[in-house]
Amino acid sequence: MQMPAEQTVLITGCSTGIGRATAERLAAAGHRVYATARNPESVADLEAKGCRTMALDVTDEASMEAAVARIGEEAGGVDALVNNAGYSQSGAIETLAMDALRRQFETNVFGLVRMTQLVLPGMRARGRGRIVNISSMGANFTFPGGGAYHATKYAVEAISDALRYEVEGFGIDVVVIQPGAIRSEFDKAAVASLDQHDDDEGVYAGFNRGVGRATREAYEKGPLKLLGGEPDDVARVIAKALTAKRPRTRYHVTPSATIMIGQSHLMPDRLWDRFNATQFPKPGR
């Protein structure tokens, strides 16, 4: 379904990184962009770049309903939804607090699903729409210490595949974006999440510290930095997905995504484990 040249686009998680870059790029292209974040002050400066800004917490039902209702009143509804809000909770599975694990899924998965449910009735009524879900190269493989985050991205993929089939007949396209390493605040938040564990002196303490060190080095000086990209690289692909007459179902962004996804698909599980052992310490050894 061909989308209008100028669309009303709702983007979650615009305070930094991919969401912010996408809001700036789409607004510059003439779209009516609603740039949202849990803290509206973090996106207030985007108004000067042509965006409409507002608070939207994807873990709060009232906040999500209010945002979609406002866009309906002001613009007649959402033409395109970019589900970008998300973060990485790192750490050995045994050391994860269940509340932290639930928060990870509330933000990365359940919020995405609920936002989609809220915009779909309007899209169906107009006979067109785009839903772009920001996944990750990490939806194709798993790094040690990243089980919680990877699980949410695998879930996003499954939900997107089912949804794509369910809504295609209404003129709605569902697109998945799989970024590789992106130079933003993402890695810093992932490393900071390791401080939430109570295992500072436990059997996984060295492992969790090693995960933090490997993550920092990968983004600061490792091959992922060389093969990574900037938030605007992802924003450019999102813009393409929103305007293409027939968008692809999946887009890989950055050489790191293409290389790592290809490598993981070629490796048997045990060989992938041995590859990870060159990057991460192994608990119990």
Protein backbone atom coordinates (compact mmCIF):
# COMPACT_ATOMS: atom_id res chain seq x y z
CA MET A 1 0.00 0.00 0.00
CA GLN A 2 1.41 3.37 -1.04
CA MET A 3 1.61 5.71 1.94
CA PRO A 4 0.96 9.47 1.65
CA ALA A 5 3.97 11.67 0.98
CA GLU A 6 3.44 13.45 4.29
CA GLN A 7 2.56 11.15 7.16
CA THR A 8 1.64 11.51 10.80
CA VAL A 9 4.31 9.48 12.55
CA LEU A 10 4.40 8.51 16.23
CA ILE A 11 7.84 7.53 17.54
CA THR A 12 8.51 6.12 21.01
CA GLY A 13 11.78 6.54 22.89
CA CYS A 14 13.06 9.78 21.33
CA SER A 15 15.20 11.10 24.17
CA THR A 16 18.44 9.78 22.64
CA GLY A 17 19.89 7.66 19.89
CA ILE A 18 17.80 6.10 17.14
CA GLY A 19 14.48 7.61 18.21
CA ARG A 20 15.86 11.15 18.31
CA ALA A 21 17.65 10.79 14.97
CA THR A 22 14.51 9.37 13.37
CA ALA A 23 12.35 12.21 14.66
CA GLU A 24 14.78 14.81 13.29
CA ARG A 25 15.10 13.13 9.88
CA LEU A 26 11.36 12.59 9.37
CA ALA A 27 10.46 16.10 10.49
CA ALA A 28 13.04 17.55 8.09
CA ALA A 29 11.40 15.53 5.31
CA GLY A 30 8.06 17.20 5.98
CA HIS A 31 6.27 14.56 8.03
CA ARG A 32 4.13 15.44 11.02
CA VAL A 33 6.24 13.84 13.75
CA TYR A 34 5.18 13.18 17.32
CA ALA A 35 8.44 12.63 19.20
CA THR A 36 7.78 11.08 22.59
CA ALA A 37 9.66 10.01 25.69
CA ARG A 38 8.91 9.11 29.27
CA ASN A 39 10.37 12.46 30.34
CA PRO A 40 8.98 15.19 28.03
CA GLU A 41 11.81 17.56 28.98
CA SER A 42 14.27 15.23 27.25
CA VAL A 43 12.61 15.85 23.88
CA ALA A 44 11.51 19.48 24.32
CA ASP A 45 14.34 20.74 22.09
CA LEU A 46 12.98 18.71 19.17
CA GLU A 47 10.16 21.23 18.81
CA ALA A 48 12.67 23.63 17.30
CA LYS A 49 13.35 20.99 14.64
CA GLY A 50 9.73 20.70 13.60
CA CYS A 51 8.53 17.92 15.89
CA ARG A 52 5.52 17.84 18.15
CA THR A 53 6.60 16.48 21.52
CA MET A 54 4.77 14.85 24.41
CA ALA A 55 5.17 12.42 27.28
CA LEU A 56 4.65 8.76 26.54
CA ASP A 57 5.59 5.94 28.90
CA VAL A 58 5.19 2.58 27.17
CA THR A 59 4.85 0.87 30.55
CA ASP A 60 1.83 3.00 31.54
CA GLU A 61 -1.59 2.30 30.01
CA ALA A 62 -3.03 5.75 30.67
CA SER A 63 0.01 7.43 29.12
CA MET A 64 -0.22 5.33 25.96
CA GLU A 65 -3.96 5.85 25.57
CA ALA A 66 -3.63 9.61 26.09
CA ALA A 67 -0.89 9.93 23.46
CA VAL A 68 -2.85 8.09 20.78
CA ALA A 69 -6.04 9.98 21.64
CA ARG A 70 -4.27 13.33 21.35
CA ILE A 71 -2.91 12.48 17.92
CA GLY A 72 -6.36 11.40 16.85
CA GLU A 73 -7.80 14.76 17.91
CA GLU A 74 -5.01 16.87 16.39
CA ALA A 75 -4.11 14.96 13.24
CA GLY A 76 -6.90 12.49 12.60
CA GLY A 77 -4.85 9.49 13.65
CA VAL A 78 -1.48 7.78 13.32
CA ASP A 79 -0.33 6.88 9.80
CA ALA A 80 2.89 5.25 10.97
CA LEU A 81 4.09 3.95 14.34
CA VAL A 82 7.78 3.50 15.07
CA ASN A 83 8.15 1.26 18.12
CA ASN A 84 11.64 2.29 19.20
CA ALA A 85 11.54 2.50 23.02
CA GLY A 86 13.80 -0.12 24.57
CA TYR A 87 16.95 -0.84 26.55
CA SER A 88 19.21 -3.74 27.51
CA GLN A 89 19.21 -5.45 30.91
CA SER A 90 22.49 -7.33 31.16
CA GLY A 91 23.70 -10.00 33.56
CA ALA A 92 23.78 -13.74 34.18
CA ILE A 93 20.27 -15.18 34.19
CA GLU A 94 20.60 -16.56 37.73
CA THR A 95 21.47 -13.12 39.07
CA LEU A 96 18.60 -11.22 37.43
CA ALA A 97 16.01 -9.79 39.79
CA MET A 98 12.58 -10.83 38.55
CA ASP A 99 11.35 -7.25 38.79
CA ALA A 100 14.18 -6.17 36.48
CA LEU A 101 13.32 -8.95 34.04
CA ARG A 102 9.65 -7.93 34.05
CA ARG A 103 10.59 -4.29 33.42
CA GLN A 104 12.68 -5.40 30.44
CA PHE A 105 9.71 -7.16 28.88
CA GLU A 106 7.27 -4.39 29.83
CA THR A 107 9.32 -1.85 27.88
CA ASN A 108 10.70 -3.87 24.99
CA VAL A 109 7.76 -6.18 24.29
CA PHE A 110 4.49 -5.45 26.09
CA GLY A 111 4.69 -1.70 25.45
CA LEU A 112 5.35 -2.36 21.78
CA VAL A 113 2.34 -4.66 21.56
CA ARG A 114 0.02 -2.27 23.38
CA MET A 115 1.05 0.73 21.28
CA THR A 116 0.37 -1.36 18.18
CA GLN A 117 -3.07 -2.38 19.46
CA LEU A 118 -3.97 1.26 20.12
CA VAL A 119 -3.11 2.55 16.63
CA LEU A 120 -4.44 -0.38 14.59
CA PRO A 121 -8.17 0.50 14.69
CA GLY A 122 -7.51 3.88 13.08
CA MET A 123 -5.19 2.38 10.49
CA ARG A 124 -7.76 -0.26 9.58
CA ALA A 125 -10.45 2.40 9.22
CA ARG A 126 -8.27 4.37 6.77
CA GLY A 127 -7.17 1.24 4.92
CA ARG A 128 -3.47 1.93 5.28
CA GLY A 129 -0.65 2.15 7.82
CA ARG A 130 2.94 1.29 8.67
CA ILE A 131 4.24 -0.26 11.86
CA VAL A 132 8.02 -0.28 12.19
CA ASN A 133 9.42 -2.35 15.05
CA ILE A 134 13.00 -1.72 16.10
CA SER A 135 14.53 -5.10 16.80
CA SER A 136 18.26 -5.91 16.78
CA MET A 137 20.88 -8.06 15.13
CA GLY A 138 20.65 -9.77 18.53
CA ALA A 139 17.31 -11.29 17.50
CA ASN A 140 19.34 -13.82 15.50
CA PHE A 141 21.82 -14.97 18.15
CA THR A 142 22.60 -14.56 21.84
CA PHE A 143 25.62 -13.17 23.63
CA PRO A 144 26.33 -14.45 27.15
CA GLY A 145 25.04 -12.07 29.78
CA GLY A 146 22.44 -10.72 27.38
CA GLY A 147 19.75 -13.38 27.72
CA ALA A 148 17.05 -11.01 28.94
CA TYR A 149 17.58 -8.45 26.19
CA HIS A 150 17.94 -11.04 23.42
CA ALA A 151 14.76 -12.76 24.62
CA THR A 152 12.79 -9.54 24.17
CA LYS A 153 14.10 -9.06 20.65
CA TYR A 154 13.31 -12.65 19.69
CA ALA A 155 9.80 -11.94 20.98
CA VAL A 156 9.55 -8.78 18.87
CA GLU A 157 10.44 -10.83 15.79
CA ALA A 158 7.78 -13.46 16.47
CA ILE A 159 5.12 -10.84 17.19
CA SER A 160 6.04 -8.91 14.04
CA ASP A 161 5.85 -12.00 11.84
CA ALA A 162 2.40 -12.93 13.15
CA LEU A 163 1.17 -9.34 12.98
CA ARG A 164 2.40 -8.84 9.41
CA TYR A 165 0.13 -11.63 8.18
CA GLU A 166 -2.82 -10.57 10.33
CA VAL A 167 -2.98 -6.96 9.14
CA GLU A 168 -1.77 -7.11 5.55
CA GLY A 169 -5.32 -7.50 4.27
CA PHE A 170 -6.22 -4.14 5.84
CA GLY A 171 -3.51 -2.31 3.87
CA ILE A 172 -1.07 -2.21 6.80
CA ASP A 173 2.62 -3.14 6.49
CA VAL A 174 4.76 -4.39 9.38
CA VAL A 175 8.51 -3.86 9.08
CA VAL A 176 11.34 -5.03 11.33
CA ILE A 177 14.61 -3.08 11.60
CA GLN A 178 17.64 -5.01 12.86
CA PRO A 179 20.44 -2.57 13.73
CA GLY A 180 23.92 -3.74 14.53
CA ALA A 181 26.22 -1.84 16.87
CA ILE A 182 25.13 1.79 17.02
CA ARG A 183 27.23 4.50 18.64
CA SER A 184 24.73 5.91 21.14
CA GLU A 185 23.97 5.68 24.85
CA PHE A 186 22.72 2.09 24.47
CA ASP A 187 25.94 0.36 25.51
CA LYS A 188 26.39 2.63 28.54
CA ALA A 189 22.89 1.79 29.77
CA ALA A 190 23.55 -1.92 29.25
CA VAL A 191 26.74 -1.77 31.30
CA ALA A 192 25.05 0.33 34.00
CA SER A 193 22.31 -2.30 34.35
CA LEU A 194 24.93 -4.72 35.70
CA ASP A 195 25.12 -2.60 38.86
CA GLN A 196 21.62 -3.75 39.82
CA HIS A 197 22.77 -7.27 40.67
CA ASP A 198 23.28 -8.53 44.21
CA ASP A 199 26.02 -10.92 43.14
CA ASP A 200 29.01 -8.62 43.65
CA GLU A 201 30.92 -11.33 45.51
CA GLY A 202 29.07 -14.37 44.16
CA VAL A 203 29.92 -17.03 41.62
CA TYR A 204 28.88 -14.80 38.70
CA ALA A 205 30.60 -11.63 39.89
CA GLY A 206 33.62 -12.07 37.63
CA PHE A 207 31.41 -13.04 34.73
CA ASN A 208 29.15 -9.99 35.07
CA ARG A 209 32.20 -7.73 35.28
CA GLY A 210 33.58 -9.42 32.18
CA VAL A 211 30.32 -8.85 30.31
CA GLY A 212 30.52 -5.16 31.19
CA ARG A 213 34.14 -4.94 30.10
CA ALA A 214 33.50 -6.80 26.82
CA THR A 215 30.51 -4.57 26.05
CA ARG A 216 32.48 -1.37 26.65
CA GLU A 217 35.44 -2.54 24.60
CA ALA A 218 33.25 -3.70 21.71
CA TYR A 219 31.70 -0.26 21.37
CA GLU A 220 34.78 1.79 22.20
CA LYS A 221 37.60 0.08 20.33
CA GLY A 222 36.57 -3.36 19.13
CA PRO A 223 35.43 -4.59 15.72
CA LEU A 224 31.83 -3.64 16.45
CA LYS A 225 32.92 0.00 16.62
CA LEU A 226 34.64 -0.24 13.25
CA LEU A 227 31.68 -2.05 11.68
CA GLY A 228 29.00 -0.12 13.54
CA GLY A 229 27.13 3.02 12.70
CA GLU A 230 25.43 6.17 13.88
CA PRO A 231 21.79 6.58 14.95
CA ASP A 232 21.06 8.43 11.71
CA ASP A 233 22.08 5.34 9.72
CA VAL A 234 19.10 3.58 11.28
CA ALA A 235 16.89 6.64 10.88
CA ARG A 236 17.63 6.68 7.15
CA VAL A 237 16.46 3.08 6.82
CA ILE A 238 13.33 3.76 8.87
CA ALA A 239 12.48 6.64 6.55
CA LYS A 240 12.89 4.29 3.59
CA ALA A 241 10.64 1.69 5.23
CA LEU A 242 7.95 4.31 5.79
CA THR A 243 7.90 5.63 2.25
CA ALA A 244 8.55 2.55 0.08
CA LYS A 245 5.53 1.36 -1.88
CA ARG A 246 6.33 -2.21 -0.88
CA PRO A 247 8.81 -2.22 2.02
CA ARG A 248 10.93 -5.22 2.87
CA THR A 249 9.86 -7.23 5.89
CA ARG A 250 13.32 -6.85 7.45
CA TYR A 251 16.20 -4.43 7.10
CA HIS A 252 19.70 -5.03 8.48
CA VAL A 253 21.56 -1.82 9.36
CA THR A 254 25.38 -1.51 9.55
CA PRO A 255 28.02 -3.99 8.38
CA SER A 256 28.21 -5.42 11.93
CA ALA A 257 24.61 -6.64 11.63
CA THR A 258 25.16 -8.25 8.24
CA ILE A 259 28.40 -9.94 9.28
CA MET A 260 27.31 -11.11 12.72
CA ILE A 261 23.94 -12.44 11.55
CA GLY A 262 25.58 -14.30 8.67
CA GLN A 263 28.29 -15.71 10.94
CA SER A 264 25.82 -16.90 13.55
CA HIS A 265 23.69 -18.68 10.94
CA LEU A 266 26.72 -20.57 9.64
CA MET A 267 27.89 -21.75 13.06
CA PRO A 268 26.48 -24.79 14.88
CA ASP A 269 25.48 -24.02 18.48
CA ARG A 270 28.61 -25.48 20.07
CA LEU A 271 30.86 -23.59 17.68
CA TRP A 272 28.99 -20.37 18.53
CA ASP A 273 29.63 -21.14 22.20
CA ARG A 274 33.34 -21.52 21.50
CA PHE A 275 33.34 -18.22 19.62
CA ASN A 276 31.69 -16.53 22.62
CA ALA A 277 34.35 -18.02 24.88
CA THR A 278 36.91 -15.87 23.04
CA GLN A 279 34.98 -12.74 24.05
CA PHE A 280 33.47 -13.51 27.45
CA PRO A 281 34.66 -15.25 30.63
CA LYS A 282 32.92 -18.50 31.47
CA PRO A 283 31.39 -18.86 34.98
CA GLY A 284 32.73 -21.76 36.99
CA ARG A 285 36.13 -21.78 35.29
